[in-house]
N, C-alpha and C. Protein backbone atom coordinates (compact mmCIF):
# COMPACT_ATOMS: atom_id res chain seq x y z
N MET A 1 4.66 -16.05 20.45
CA MET A 1 4.64 -15.23 19.28
C MET A 1 5.81 -14.20 19.26
N ILE A 2 6.65 -14.26 18.25
CA ILE A 2 7.85 -13.42 18.25
C ILE A 2 7.37 -12.02 17.82
N THR A 3 8.05 -10.99 18.45
CA THR A 3 7.77 -9.57 18.06
C THR A 3 8.74 -9.25 16.87
N PRO A 4 8.23 -8.91 15.76
CA PRO A 4 9.06 -8.56 14.65
C PRO A 4 9.65 -7.10 14.80
N ASP A 5 10.95 -6.99 14.67
CA ASP A 5 11.60 -5.77 14.77
C ASP A 5 11.43 -4.93 13.48
N ARG A 6 12.00 -3.77 13.48
CA ARG A 6 11.85 -2.89 12.32
C ARG A 6 12.43 -3.51 11.05
N LYS A 7 13.65 -4.08 11.11
CA LYS A 7 14.31 -4.60 9.97
C LYS A 7 13.45 -5.71 9.33
N THR A 8 12.97 -6.66 10.24
CA THR A 8 12.15 -7.68 9.68
C THR A 8 10.86 -7.20 8.97
N LYS A 9 10.23 -6.25 9.63
CA LYS A 9 9.00 -5.63 9.04
C LYS A 9 9.31 -4.96 7.60
N ARG A 10 10.41 -4.24 7.63
CA ARG A 10 10.79 -3.57 6.44
C ARG A 10 11.12 -4.57 5.34
N LYS A 11 11.79 -5.59 5.75
CA LYS A 11 12.15 -6.69 4.76
C LYS A 11 10.89 -7.32 4.20
N ASN A 12 9.95 -7.58 5.11
CA ASN A 12 8.67 -8.15 4.61
C ASN A 12 7.93 -7.26 3.67
N ILE A 13 7.93 -6.01 3.96
CA ILE A 13 7.25 -5.04 3.08
C ILE A 13 7.89 -4.99 1.75
N LEU A 14 9.26 -4.97 1.79
CA LEU A 14 9.98 -4.92 0.45
C LEU A 14 9.70 -6.22 -0.34
N THR A 15 9.70 -7.34 0.35
CA THR A 15 9.43 -8.58 -0.35
C THR A 15 8.10 -8.58 -0.95
N ALA A 16 7.06 -8.08 -0.22
CA ALA A 16 5.69 -8.07 -0.74
C ALA A 16 5.61 -7.13 -1.96
N ILE A 17 6.35 -5.99 -1.93
CA ILE A 17 6.30 -5.13 -3.07
C ILE A 17 6.98 -5.78 -4.26
N ALA A 18 8.09 -6.44 -3.97
CA ALA A 18 8.84 -7.06 -5.10
C ALA A 18 7.94 -8.16 -5.76
N ILE A 19 7.23 -8.95 -4.94
CA ILE A 19 6.36 -10.00 -5.47
C ILE A 19 5.23 -9.41 -6.29
N LEU A 20 4.61 -8.32 -5.69
CA LEU A 20 3.60 -7.65 -6.48
C LEU A 20 4.01 -7.15 -7.83
N ALA A 21 5.24 -6.51 -7.87
CA ALA A 21 5.78 -5.91 -9.03
C ALA A 21 5.99 -7.06 -10.05
N PHE A 22 6.55 -8.17 -9.51
CA PHE A 22 6.85 -9.33 -10.44
C PHE A 22 5.55 -9.86 -11.06
N MET A 23 4.48 -9.94 -10.29
CA MET A 23 3.24 -10.47 -10.71
C MET A 23 2.69 -9.53 -11.84
N VAL A 24 2.74 -8.17 -11.55
CA VAL A 24 2.28 -7.27 -12.63
C VAL A 24 3.09 -7.40 -13.87
N PHE A 25 4.39 -7.53 -13.74
CA PHE A 25 5.25 -7.68 -14.86
C PHE A 25 4.86 -8.97 -15.64
N LEU A 26 4.68 -10.02 -14.99
CA LEU A 26 4.33 -11.29 -15.67
C LEU A 26 2.95 -11.14 -16.38
N PHE A 27 2.05 -10.43 -15.69
CA PHE A 27 0.64 -10.16 -16.26
C PHE A 27 0.78 -9.39 -17.59
N LEU A 28 1.52 -8.29 -17.53
CA LEU A 28 1.69 -7.47 -18.74
C LEU A 28 2.46 -8.20 -19.83
N PHE A 29 3.44 -8.95 -19.44
CA PHE A 29 4.22 -9.79 -20.41
C PHE A 29 3.33 -10.77 -21.12
N THR A 30 2.43 -11.37 -20.32
CA THR A 30 1.53 -12.42 -20.94
C THR A 30 0.61 -11.65 -21.94
N LEU A 31 0.08 -10.52 -21.49
CA LEU A 31 -0.92 -9.77 -22.40
C LEU A 31 -0.13 -9.38 -23.75
N TYR A 32 1.08 -8.96 -23.61
CA TYR A 32 1.88 -8.67 -24.80
C TYR A 32 2.07 -9.84 -25.65
N ASN A 33 2.39 -11.06 -25.09
CA ASN A 33 2.58 -12.27 -25.87
C ASN A 33 1.30 -12.68 -26.55
N VAL A 34 0.21 -12.56 -25.82
CA VAL A 34 -1.08 -13.01 -26.40
C VAL A 34 -1.54 -12.07 -27.56
N GLY A 35 -1.13 -10.80 -27.48
CA GLY A 35 -1.38 -9.86 -28.59
C GLY A 35 -2.52 -8.93 -28.26
N VAL A 36 -2.77 -8.72 -26.96
CA VAL A 36 -3.83 -7.69 -26.62
C VAL A 36 -3.40 -6.33 -27.00
N PHE A 37 -2.10 -6.06 -26.76
CA PHE A 37 -1.60 -4.75 -27.18
C PHE A 37 -0.85 -5.00 -28.52
N ASP A 38 -1.16 -4.13 -29.52
CA ASP A 38 -0.64 -4.41 -30.85
C ASP A 38 0.61 -3.46 -31.03
N ARG A 39 1.43 -3.40 -30.01
CA ARG A 39 2.74 -2.50 -30.14
C ARG A 39 3.87 -3.51 -29.98
N PRO A 40 4.89 -3.25 -30.76
CA PRO A 40 6.12 -4.00 -30.61
C PRO A 40 6.86 -3.60 -29.32
N LEU A 41 7.48 -4.57 -28.65
CA LEU A 41 8.27 -4.23 -27.42
C LEU A 41 9.53 -3.47 -27.79
């Protein structure tokens, strides 16, 4: 088992945050397209 150094751990955390943010963006974008929110972009 390899021991992850600080750079790898930080990169993994940043990647996880980026993926979560992208998923939230896609979720909101889908809701806007479906018409749940009746506000123009």
